[in-house]
Structures are given as structure tokens and as C-alpha cells.
């Protein structure tokens, strides 16, 4: 509640909340933890996956390189402490509308496909998170297909 009040005061006084101040109830941190979890679930984190993760976070949340690095470090720490996905998906459910939650699922698939393939572990994790985000199977499958097409299309242009 104090955070909401301070945000309101900052908004009306022309101030701006610091982009790098990531608290536990910050939806950006919750989304980043889910993305880190997708990146690490198959046991092999590639440099390509790390770069895609940072690019997604920086562009979607309008972060500087330093704030992106800070967010990733914090997300890695939170992911290591996590016992389930609910703590993060509940923050996202409170903070985001359906379009925002669909976007999180899309981001998860983008990270999962960063190495060119979707493992069953990654697919299962996105399915579980999507369910907790109240995103139906039809939307999840549609997003997975769209991201796969994008990845396959990009690969075709690199030749």
C-alpha cells in the first residue's frame, strides 16, 4: 500500500519511479523469474538464451542494460529460492490484464525457443504457468505456434 501511495505521489509530482527498483511484488521481477526458470529448466543454459532473455526484458520493460542485468541477477536468485510458480504468477495475475498475461506466456515461449528447439520440460513449464495465469490451452497453443513460426522464419533468413 505504501508503494502504491508513493507511486501516486511520484506520478502527480512529475517524479518517476526508479526503473531498477525491483521489489518482490514488482510484476517485472515475477515475469523475469518465470523466464529465468524456462531458460534453466532443461539443464543447459546457452549464451544465446541469456542474450534473448536480456533482450526481451530490456525491450518489454524499457530497461537500461544495467537495470536489465540487475533484474536478471535478482530473478536468478529468486528462482533458486522458489518452491513453486504460484508466488510469481499470483503477482502477475494481480498486476496484469489478460493481454499482459498472454504477453508473459509469449515471452516464456520466446526464451524457450531461443536455442531453436522447445524441450518437453520447457513446454510443460509454460503450460503450468499459463494455467496459473488463467490462460487457456487454445491461446497457449496459438502463441506457441506463432513463436515457433517466428523462430523458424528467422532461421530461414540466416542461410
C-alpha atoms as a PDB file:
ATOM      1  CA  UNK A   1       0.000   0.000   0.000  1.00  0.00           C
ATOM      2  CA  UNK A   2       2.860   2.363   0.791  1.00  0.00           C
ATOM      3  CA  UNK A   3       4.359   1.633  -2.628  1.00  0.00           C
ATOM      4  CA  UNK A   4       1.081   2.481  -4.373  1.00  0.00           C
ATOM      5  CA  UNK A   5       0.900   5.746  -2.444  1.00  0.00           C
ATOM      6  CA  UNK A   6       4.500   6.665  -3.241  1.00  0.00           C
ATOM      7  CA  UNK A   7       3.918   5.822  -6.927  1.00  0.00           C
ATOM      8  CA  UNK A   8       0.822   8.027  -6.937  1.00  0.00           C
ATOM      9  CA  UNK A   9       2.721  10.919  -5.343  1.00  0.00           C
ATOM     10  CA  UNK A  10       5.593  10.468  -7.806  1.00  0.00           C
ATOM     11  CA  UNK A  11       3.135  10.457 -10.711  1.00  0.00           C
ATOM     12  CA  UNK A  12       1.343  13.643  -9.705  1.00  0.00           C
ATOM     13  CA  UNK A  13       4.540  15.474  -8.779  1.00  0.00           C
ATOM     14  CA  UNK A  14       6.184  14.641 -12.090  1.00  0.00           C
ATOM     15  CA  UNK A  15       8.643  12.265 -10.476  1.00  0.00           C
ATOM     16  CA  UNK A  16       9.247   8.809 -11.799  1.00  0.00           C
ATOM     17  CA  UNK A  17       9.678   5.521 -10.020  1.00  0.00           C
ATOM     18  CA  UNK A  18      13.207   4.279 -10.465  1.00  0.00           C
ATOM     19  CA  UNK A  19      13.222   1.647 -13.208  1.00  0.00           C
ATOM     20  CA  UNK A  20      15.707  -0.508 -11.340  1.00  0.00           C
ATOM     21  CA  UNK A  21      13.907  -0.668  -8.004  1.00  0.00           C
ATOM     22  CA  UNK A  22      12.655  -4.238  -8.241  1.00  0.00           C
ATOM     23  CA  UNK A  23      10.649  -5.331  -5.225  1.00  0.00           C
ATOM     24  CA  UNK A  24       9.086  -8.711  -4.538  1.00  0.00           C
ATOM     25  CA  UNK A  25       5.666  -7.516  -5.711  1.00  0.00           C
ATOM     26  CA  UNK A  26       7.015  -5.987  -8.942  1.00  0.00           C
ATOM     27  CA  UNK A  27       5.421  -7.760 -11.895  1.00  0.00           C
ATOM     28  CA  UNK A  28       8.643  -7.279 -13.882  1.00  0.00           C
ATOM     29  CA  UNK A  29      10.548  -9.364 -11.345  1.00  0.00           C
ATOM     30  CA  UNK A  30       7.863 -12.057 -11.351  1.00  0.00           C
ATOM     31  CA  UNK A  31       7.927 -12.237 -15.148  1.00  0.00           C
ATOM     32  CA  UNK A  32      11.735 -12.326 -15.150  1.00  0.00           C
ATOM     33  CA  UNK A  33      11.750 -15.225 -12.664  1.00  0.00           C
ATOM     34  CA  UNK A  34       9.443 -17.235 -14.933  1.00  0.00           C
ATOM     35  CA  UNK A  35      11.693 -16.509 -17.911  1.00  0.00           C
ATOM     36  CA  UNK A  36      14.821 -17.495 -15.975  1.00  0.00           C
ATOM     37  CA  UNK A  37      13.093 -20.711 -14.922  1.00  0.00           C
ATOM     38  CA  UNK A  38      12.254 -21.513 -18.558  1.00  0.00           C
ATOM     39  CA  UNK A  39      15.846 -20.802 -19.560  1.00  0.00           C
ATOM     40  CA  UNK A  40      17.286 -23.117 -16.908  1.00  0.00           C
ATOM     41  CA  UNK A  41      14.762 -25.964 -16.783  1.00  0.00           C
ATOM     42  CA  UNK A  42      16.413 -28.106 -19.444  1.00  0.00           C
ATOM     43  CA  UNK A  43      19.698 -28.024 -17.516  1.00  0.00           C
ATOM     44  CA  UNK A  44      21.653 -26.297 -20.291  1.00  0.00           C
ATOM     45  CA  UNK A  45      21.772 -22.512 -20.327  1.00  0.00           C
ATOM     46  CA  UNK A  46      23.291 -21.213 -23.544  1.00  0.00           C
ATOM     47  CA  UNK A  47      24.700 -17.765 -24.211  1.00  0.00           C
ATOM     48  CA  UNK A  48      22.036 -17.373 -26.892  1.00  0.00           C
ATOM     49  CA  UNK A  49      19.304 -17.973 -24.305  1.00  0.00           C
ATOM     50  CA  UNK A  50      20.869 -15.424 -21.946  1.00  0.00           C
ATOM     51  CA  UNK A  51      21.001 -12.818 -24.702  1.00  0.00           C
ATOM     52  CA  UNK A  52      17.382 -13.461 -25.739  1.00  0.00           C
ATOM     53  CA  UNK A  53      16.321 -13.186 -22.091  1.00  0.00           C
ATOM     54  CA  UNK A  54      18.100  -9.850 -21.670  1.00  0.00           C
ATOM     55  CA  UNK A  55      16.776  -8.515 -24.981  1.00  0.00           C
ATOM     56  CA  UNK A  56      13.200  -9.445 -24.081  1.00  0.00           C
ATOM     57  CA  UNK A  57      13.397  -7.893 -20.627  1.00  0.00           C
ATOM     58  CA  UNK A  58      15.094  -4.711 -21.832  1.00  0.00           C
ATOM     59  CA  UNK A  59      12.653  -4.129 -24.681  1.00  0.00           C
ATOM     60  CA  UNK A  60       9.417  -5.164 -22.957  1.00  0.00           C
ATOM     61  CA  UNK A  61      10.107  -3.274 -19.751  1.00  0.00           C
ATOM     62  CA  UNK A  62      12.089  -0.384 -21.276  1.00  0.00           C
ATOM     63  CA  UNK A  63      15.176  -1.021 -19.130  1.00  0.00           C
ATOM     64  CA  UNK A  64      18.765   0.100 -19.487  1.00  0.00           C
ATOM     65  CA  UNK A  65      21.484  -2.544 -19.777  1.00  0.00           C
ATOM     66  CA  UNK A  66      22.423  -2.015 -16.124  1.00  0.00           C
ATOM     67  CA  UNK A  67      18.826  -2.369 -14.906  1.00  0.00           C
ATOM     68  CA  UNK A  68      18.344  -5.415 -17.123  1.00  0.00           C
ATOM     69  CA  UNK A  69      21.427  -7.059 -15.590  1.00  0.00           C
ATOM     70  CA  UNK A  70      20.158  -6.173 -12.107  1.00  0.00           C
ATOM     71  CA  UNK A  71      16.744  -7.683 -12.898  1.00  0.00           C
ATOM     72  CA  UNK A  72      18.292 -10.887 -14.281  1.00  0.00           C
ATOM     73  CA  UNK A  73      20.553 -11.310 -11.224  1.00  0.00           C
ATOM     74  CA  UNK A  74      17.629 -10.801  -8.870  1.00  0.00           C
ATOM     75  CA  UNK A  75      15.427 -13.169 -10.911  1.00  0.00           C
ATOM     76  CA  UNK A  76      18.100 -15.876 -10.816  1.00  0.00           C
ATOM     77  CA  UNK A  77      18.311 -15.536  -7.026  1.00  0.00           C
ATOM     78  CA  UNK A  78      14.502 -15.635  -6.623  1.00  0.00           C
ATOM     79  CA  UNK A  79      14.244 -18.640  -8.931  1.00  0.00           C
ATOM     80  CA  UNK A  80      16.824 -20.518  -6.837  1.00  0.00           C
ATOM     81  CA  UNK A  81      14.746 -19.848  -3.693  1.00  0.00           C
ATOM     82  CA  UNK A  82      11.366 -20.653  -5.260  1.00  0.00           C
ATOM     83  CA  UNK A  83       9.378 -23.722  -4.332  1.00  0.00           C
ATOM     84  CA  UNK A  84       6.627 -23.212  -6.906  1.00  0.00           C
ATOM     85  CA  UNK A  85       5.373 -20.878  -9.626  1.00  0.00           C
ATOM     86  CA  UNK A  86       2.366 -19.585  -7.716  1.00  0.00           C
ATOM     87  CA  UNK A  87       4.190 -16.795  -5.889  1.00  0.00           C
ATOM     88  CA  UNK A  88       5.151 -15.267  -9.230  1.00  0.00           C
ATOM     89  CA  UNK A  89       2.004 -15.967 -11.212  1.00  0.00           C
ATOM     90  CA  UNK A  90      -0.163 -14.523  -8.430  1.00  0.00           C
ATOM     91  CA  UNK A  91       1.727 -11.209  -8.670  1.00  0.00           C
ATOM     92  CA  UNK A  92       1.223 -11.236 -12.439  1.00  0.00           C
ATOM     93  CA  UNK A  93      -2.482 -12.047 -12.078  1.00  0.00           C
ATOM     94  CA  UNK A  94      -2.946  -9.066  -9.767  1.00  0.00           C
ATOM     95  CA  UNK A  95      -0.882  -6.651 -11.872  1.00  0.00           C
ATOM     96  CA  UNK A  96      -1.744  -7.573 -15.454  1.00  0.00           C
ATOM     97  CA  UNK A  97      -4.853  -7.831 -17.557  1.00  0.00           C
ATOM     98  CA  UNK A  98      -5.405 -10.781 -19.906  1.00  0.00           C
ATOM     99  CA  UNK A  99      -3.372  -9.189 -22.696  1.00  0.00           C
ATOM    100  CA  UNK A 100      -0.438  -8.710 -20.327  1.00  0.00           C
ATOM    101  CA  UNK A 101      -0.631 -12.302 -19.126  1.00  0.00           C
ATOM    102  CA  UNK A 102      -0.762 -13.531 -22.739  1.00  0.00           C
ATOM    103  CA  UNK A 103       2.365 -11.476 -23.363  1.00  0.00           C
ATOM    104  CA  UNK A 104       4.146 -13.207 -20.466  1.00  0.00           C
ATOM    105  CA  UNK A 105       3.323 -16.609 -21.978  1.00  0.00           C
ATOM    106  CA  UNK A 106       4.659 -15.369 -25.308  1.00  0.00           C
ATOM    107  CA  UNK A 107       7.870 -14.189 -23.631  1.00  0.00           C
ATOM    108  CA  UNK A 108       8.262 -17.595 -21.993  1.00  0.00           C
ATOM    109  CA  UNK A 109       7.994 -19.321 -25.370  1.00  0.00           C
ATOM    110  CA  UNK A 110      10.456 -16.852 -26.889  1.00  0.00           C
ATOM    111  CA  UNK A 111      13.017 -17.797 -24.244  1.00  0.00           C
ATOM    112  CA  UNK A 112      12.227 -21.494 -24.637  1.00  0.00           C
ATOM    113  CA  UNK A 113      12.794 -21.310 -28.401  1.00  0.00           C
ATOM    114  CA  UNK A 114      15.965 -19.194 -28.057  1.00  0.00           C
ATOM    115  CA  UNK A 115      18.142 -22.233 -28.755  1.00  0.00           C
ATOM    116  CA  UNK A 116      15.983 -23.222 -31.731  1.00  0.00           C
ATOM    117  CA  UNK A 117      14.031 -26.031 -30.087  1.00  0.00           C
ATOM    118  CA  UNK A 118      11.355 -26.493 -27.445  1.00  0.00           C
ATOM    119  CA  UNK A 119      12.026 -29.301 -24.967  1.00  0.00           C
ATOM    120  CA  UNK A 120       9.228 -31.163 -23.241  1.00  0.00           C
ATOM    121  CA  UNK A 121      10.400 -29.666 -19.928  1.00  0.00           C
ATOM    122  CA  UNK A 122      10.089 -26.125 -21.297  1.00  0.00           C
ATOM    123  CA  UNK A 123       6.715 -26.840 -22.880  1.00  0.00           C
ATOM    124  CA  UNK A 124       5.416 -28.375 -19.641  1.00  0.00           C
ATOM    125  CA  UNK A 125       6.638 -25.421 -17.594  1.00  0.00           C
ATOM    126  CA  UNK A 126       4.943 -22.894 -19.895  1.00  0.00           C
ATOM    127  CA  UNK A 127       1.753 -24.995 -19.774  1.00  0.00           C
ATOM    128  CA  UNK A 128       1.768 -24.980 -15.943  1.00  0.00           C
ATOM    129  CA  UNK A 129       2.493 -21.248 -15.765  1.00  0.00           C
ATOM    130  CA  UNK A 130      -0.177 -20.482 -18.377  1.00  0.00           C
ATOM    131  CA  UNK A 131      -2.736 -22.414 -16.343  1.00  0.00           C
ATOM    132  CA  UNK A 132      -1.807 -20.421 -13.234  1.00  0.00           C
ATOM    133  CA  UNK A 133      -2.080 -17.217 -15.286  1.00  0.00           C
ATOM    134  CA  UNK A 134      -5.607 -18.212 -16.363  1.00  0.00           C
ATOM    135  CA  UNK A 135      -4.554 -18.565 -19.996  1.00  0.00           C
ATOM    136  CA  UNK A 136      -6.455 -21.322 -21.765  1.00  0.00           C
ATOM    137  CA  UNK A 137      -4.964 -24.134 -23.810  1.00  0.00           C
ATOM    138  CA  UNK A 138      -6.198 -22.676 -27.084  1.00  0.00           C
ATOM    139  CA  UNK A 139      -4.364 -19.384 -26.514  1.00  0.00           C
ATOM    140  CA  UNK A 140      -1.233 -21.141 -25.231  1.00  0.00           C
ATOM    141  CA  UNK A 141      -1.069 -23.413 -28.287  1.00  0.00           C
ATOM    142  CA  UNK A 142      -1.680 -20.464 -30.630  1.00  0.00           C
ATOM    143  CA  UNK A 143       1.139 -18.480 -29.015  1.00  0.00           C
ATOM    144  CA  UNK A 144       3.486 -21.485 -29.160  1.00  0.00           C
ATOM    145  CA  UNK A 145       2.794 -21.870 -32.904  1.00  0.00           C
ATOM    146  CA  UNK A 146       3.313 -18.161 -33.564  1.00  0.00           C
ATOM    147  CA  UNK A 147       6.641 -18.092 -31.731  1.00  0.00           C
ATOM    148  CA  UNK A 148       7.773 -21.308 -33.437  1.00  0.00           C
ATOM    149  CA  UNK A 149       6.907 -19.843 -36.853  1.00  0.00           C
ATOM    150  CA  UNK A 150       8.834 -16.696 -35.985  1.00  0.00           C
ATOM    151  CA  UNK A 151      11.869 -18.715 -34.912  1.00  0.00           C
ATOM    152  CA  UNK A 152      11.726 -20.948 -37.978  1.00  0.00           C
ATOM    153  CA  UNK A 153      11.258 -17.906 -40.213  1.00  0.00           C
ATOM    154  CA  UNK A 154      14.290 -16.165 -38.709  1.00  0.00           C
ATOM    155  CA  UNK A 155      16.386 -19.291 -39.181  1.00  0.00           C
ATOM    156  CA  UNK A 156      15.400 -19.468 -42.855  1.00  0.00           C
ATOM    157  CA  UNK A 157      16.625 -15.914 -43.455  1.00  0.00           C
ATOM    158  CA  UNK A 158      20.039 -16.534 -41.892  1.00  0.00           C
ATOM    159  CA  UNK A 159      21.111 -19.021 -44.585  1.00  0.00           C
END
